[in-house]
Amino acid sequence: MEQLRTRERRQLDNGGGFPGDDDADPQGATVISGPYSQTLQVAGMTVGRIRERLATRLDIDPHSLAVIDGQDVTDETVVGAGQLLTFVTRAGEKGMT
């Protein structure tokens, strides 16, 4: 399992897409969560899939709100090339117990 994670991380670090995501657009989109920001080849993927695949890498809160280019979106929304996907927790909201 660790070898798979290492290989996937290496591909992402080198600008490659996720293994097995042949439907991803070759152009990148920027993903931000808290202090983390990366431009990755995630265009053509749903927000939910991105949230799942990058949860650990970008420390994405599973209850965070997804925003694309300033508009709230659902996990079924498909991210396009050049878009900005941000995972946010609104000010004043507390964590889930």
C-alpha atoms as a PDB file:
ATOM      1  CA  MET A   1       0.000   0.000   0.000  1.00  0.00           C
ATOM      2  CA  GLU A   2       2.839   2.393   0.857  1.00  0.00           C
ATOM      3  CA  GLN A   3       4.443   1.792  -2.551  1.00  0.00           C
ATOM      4  CA  LEU A   4       1.176   2.738  -4.280  1.00  0.00           C
ATOM      5  CA  ARG A   5       0.910   5.954  -2.238  1.00  0.00           C
ATOM      6  CA  THR A   6       4.546   6.826  -2.943  1.00  0.00           C
ATOM      7  CA  ARG A   7       4.122   6.247  -6.690  1.00  0.00           C
ATOM      8  CA  GLU A   8       0.904   8.312  -6.758  1.00  0.00           C
ATOM      9  CA  ARG A   9       2.563  11.142  -4.814  1.00  0.00           C
ATOM     10  CA  ARG A  10       5.548  11.091  -7.208  1.00  0.00           C
ATOM     11  CA  GLN A  11       3.221  11.335 -10.218  1.00  0.00           C
ATOM     12  CA  LEU A  12       1.351  14.268  -8.678  1.00  0.00           C
ATOM     13  CA  ASP A  13       4.581  16.024  -7.699  1.00  0.00           C
ATOM     14  CA  ASN A  14       5.810  15.680 -11.285  1.00  0.00           C
ATOM     15  CA  GLY A  15       2.615  17.206 -12.682  1.00  0.00           C
ATOM     16  CA  GLY A  16       1.018  13.892 -13.580  1.00  0.00           C
ATOM     17  CA  GLY A  17      -2.601  13.006 -12.982  1.00  0.00           C
ATOM     18  CA  PHE A  18      -3.941  10.338 -10.713  1.00  0.00           C
ATOM     19  CA  PRO A  19      -3.247   6.745 -11.736  1.00  0.00           C
ATOM     20  CA  GLY A  20      -6.273   5.301 -13.514  1.00  0.00           C
ATOM     21  CA  ASP A  21      -7.844   8.685 -14.240  1.00  0.00           C
ATOM     22  CA  ASP A  22      -7.615   8.584 -18.008  1.00  0.00           C
ATOM     23  CA  ASP A  23     -10.666  10.867 -18.230  1.00  0.00           C
ATOM     24  CA  ALA A  24      -8.810  13.753 -16.538  1.00  0.00           C
ATOM     25  CA  ASP A  25      -8.118  16.739 -18.783  1.00  0.00           C
ATOM     26  CA  PRO A  26      -4.375  17.210 -19.386  1.00  0.00           C
ATOM     27  CA  GLN A  27      -4.687  20.821 -18.225  1.00  0.00           C
ATOM     28  CA  GLY A  28      -4.469  21.647 -14.545  1.00  0.00           C
ATOM     29  CA  ALA A  29      -6.785  23.188 -12.004  1.00  0.00           C
ATOM     30  CA  THR A  30      -5.731  24.714  -8.699  1.00  0.00           C
ATOM     31  CA  VAL A  31      -6.894  23.037  -5.480  1.00  0.00           C
ATOM     32  CA  ILE A  32      -6.684  24.915  -2.169  1.00  0.00           C
ATOM     33  CA  SER A  33      -7.392  23.694   1.350  1.00  0.00           C
ATOM     34  CA  GLY A  34      -6.247  25.830   4.267  1.00  0.00           C
ATOM     35  CA  PRO A  35      -2.557  26.644   3.799  1.00  0.00           C
ATOM     36  CA  TYR A  36      -2.151  24.084   0.986  1.00  0.00           C
ATOM     37  CA  SER A  37      -2.377  25.061  -2.673  1.00  0.00           C
ATOM     38  CA  GLN A  38      -1.415  22.957  -5.687  1.00  0.00           C
ATOM     39  CA  THR A  39      -2.101  22.996  -9.389  1.00  0.00           C
ATOM     40  CA  LEU A  40      -2.845  19.415 -10.434  1.00  0.00           C
ATOM     41  CA  GLN A  41      -4.291  17.590 -13.415  1.00  0.00           C
ATOM     42  CA  VAL A  42      -7.758  17.178 -11.918  1.00  0.00           C
ATOM     43  CA  ALA A  43      -9.829  18.782 -14.698  1.00  0.00           C
ATOM     44  CA  GLY A  44     -12.646  16.440 -15.677  1.00  0.00           C
ATOM     45  CA  MET A  45     -12.906  14.941 -12.178  1.00  0.00           C
ATOM     46  CA  THR A  46     -15.767  15.550  -9.745  1.00  0.00           C
ATOM     47  CA  VAL A  47     -15.255  17.579  -6.579  1.00  0.00           C
ATOM     48  CA  GLY A  48     -16.106  14.478  -4.530  1.00  0.00           C
ATOM     49  CA  ARG A  49     -13.420  12.402  -6.212  1.00  0.00           C
ATOM     50  CA  ILE A  50     -10.853  15.154  -5.725  1.00  0.00           C
ATOM     51  CA  ARG A  51     -11.900  15.527  -2.071  1.00  0.00           C
ATOM     52  CA  GLU A  52     -11.469  11.774  -1.545  1.00  0.00           C
ATOM     53  CA  ARG A  53      -8.162  11.435  -3.378  1.00  0.00           C
ATOM     54  CA  LEU A  54      -6.507  14.517  -1.831  1.00  0.00           C
ATOM     55  CA  ALA A  55      -8.000  14.325   1.675  1.00  0.00           C
ATOM     56  CA  THR A  56      -4.755  13.376   3.377  1.00  0.00           C
ATOM     57  CA  ARG A  57      -2.358  15.222   1.093  1.00  0.00           C
ATOM     58  CA  LEU A  58      -4.109  18.602   1.448  1.00  0.00           C
ATOM     59  CA  ASP A  59      -5.709  17.956   4.863  1.00  0.00           C
ATOM     60  CA  ILE A  60      -9.230  18.423   3.463  1.00  0.00           C
ATOM     61  CA  ASP A  61     -11.958  18.418   6.124  1.00  0.00           C
ATOM     62  CA  PRO A  62     -14.670  15.972   4.950  1.00  0.00           C
ATOM     63  CA  HIS A  63     -17.306  18.489   6.101  1.00  0.00           C
ATOM     64  CA  SER A  64     -15.763  21.481   4.317  1.00  0.00           C
ATOM     65  CA  LEU A  65     -17.654  23.426   1.679  1.00  0.00           C
ATOM     66  CA  ALA A  66     -16.397  23.189  -1.910  1.00  0.00           C
ATOM     67  CA  VAL A  67     -16.163  26.444  -3.869  1.00  0.00           C
ATOM     68  CA  ILE A  68     -15.204  26.761  -7.549  1.00  0.00           C
ATOM     69  CA  ASP A  69     -14.280  30.225  -8.779  1.00  0.00           C
ATOM     70  CA  GLY A  70     -16.253  31.820  -5.918  1.00  0.00           C
ATOM     71  CA  GLN A  71     -19.430  29.723  -6.302  1.00  0.00           C
ATOM     72  CA  ASP A  72     -20.538  27.038  -3.818  1.00  0.00           C
ATOM     73  CA  VAL A  73     -20.718  23.635  -5.541  1.00  0.00           C
ATOM     74  CA  THR A  74     -21.657  20.044  -4.703  1.00  0.00           C
ATOM     75  CA  ASP A  75     -19.450  16.953  -4.742  1.00  0.00           C
ATOM     76  CA  GLU A  76     -21.035  15.995  -8.101  1.00  0.00           C
ATOM     77  CA  THR A  77     -19.728  19.134  -9.841  1.00  0.00           C
ATOM     78  CA  VAL A  78     -17.039  18.489 -12.472  1.00  0.00           C
ATOM     79  CA  VAL A  79     -13.937  20.689 -12.275  1.00  0.00           C
ATOM     80  CA  GLY A  80     -12.799  22.300 -15.512  1.00  0.00           C
ATOM     81  CA  ALA A  81      -9.314  23.191 -16.711  1.00  0.00           C
ATOM     82  CA  GLY A  82      -7.972  26.404 -15.225  1.00  0.00           C
ATOM     83  CA  GLN A  83     -10.573  26.577 -12.462  1.00  0.00           C
ATOM     84  CA  LEU A  84      -9.877  27.273  -8.798  1.00  0.00           C
ATOM     85  CA  LEU A  85     -11.332  24.712  -6.367  1.00  0.00           C
ATOM     86  CA  THR A  86     -11.216  25.735  -2.717  1.00  0.00           C
ATOM     87  CA  PHE A  87     -12.296  23.675   0.289  1.00  0.00           C
ATOM     88  CA  VAL A  88     -13.378  26.035   3.083  1.00  0.00           C
ATOM     89  CA  THR A  89     -14.911  26.046   6.536  1.00  0.00           C
ATOM     90  CA  ARG A  90     -16.993  29.179   7.010  1.00  0.00           C
ATOM     91  CA  ALA A  91     -15.870  31.578   9.738  1.00  0.00           C
ATOM     92  CA  GLY A  92     -17.549  30.887  13.047  1.00  0.00           C
ATOM     93  CA  GLU A  93     -18.292  27.239  12.279  1.00  0.00           C
ATOM     94  CA  LYS A  94     -17.010  24.707  14.741  1.00  0.00           C
ATOM     95  CA  GLY A  95     -15.730  21.247  13.930  1.00  0.00           C
ATOM     96  CA  MET A  96     -18.034  18.236  14.003  1.00  0.00           C
ATOM     97  CA  THR A  97     -18.208  16.308  17.245  1.00  0.00           C
END
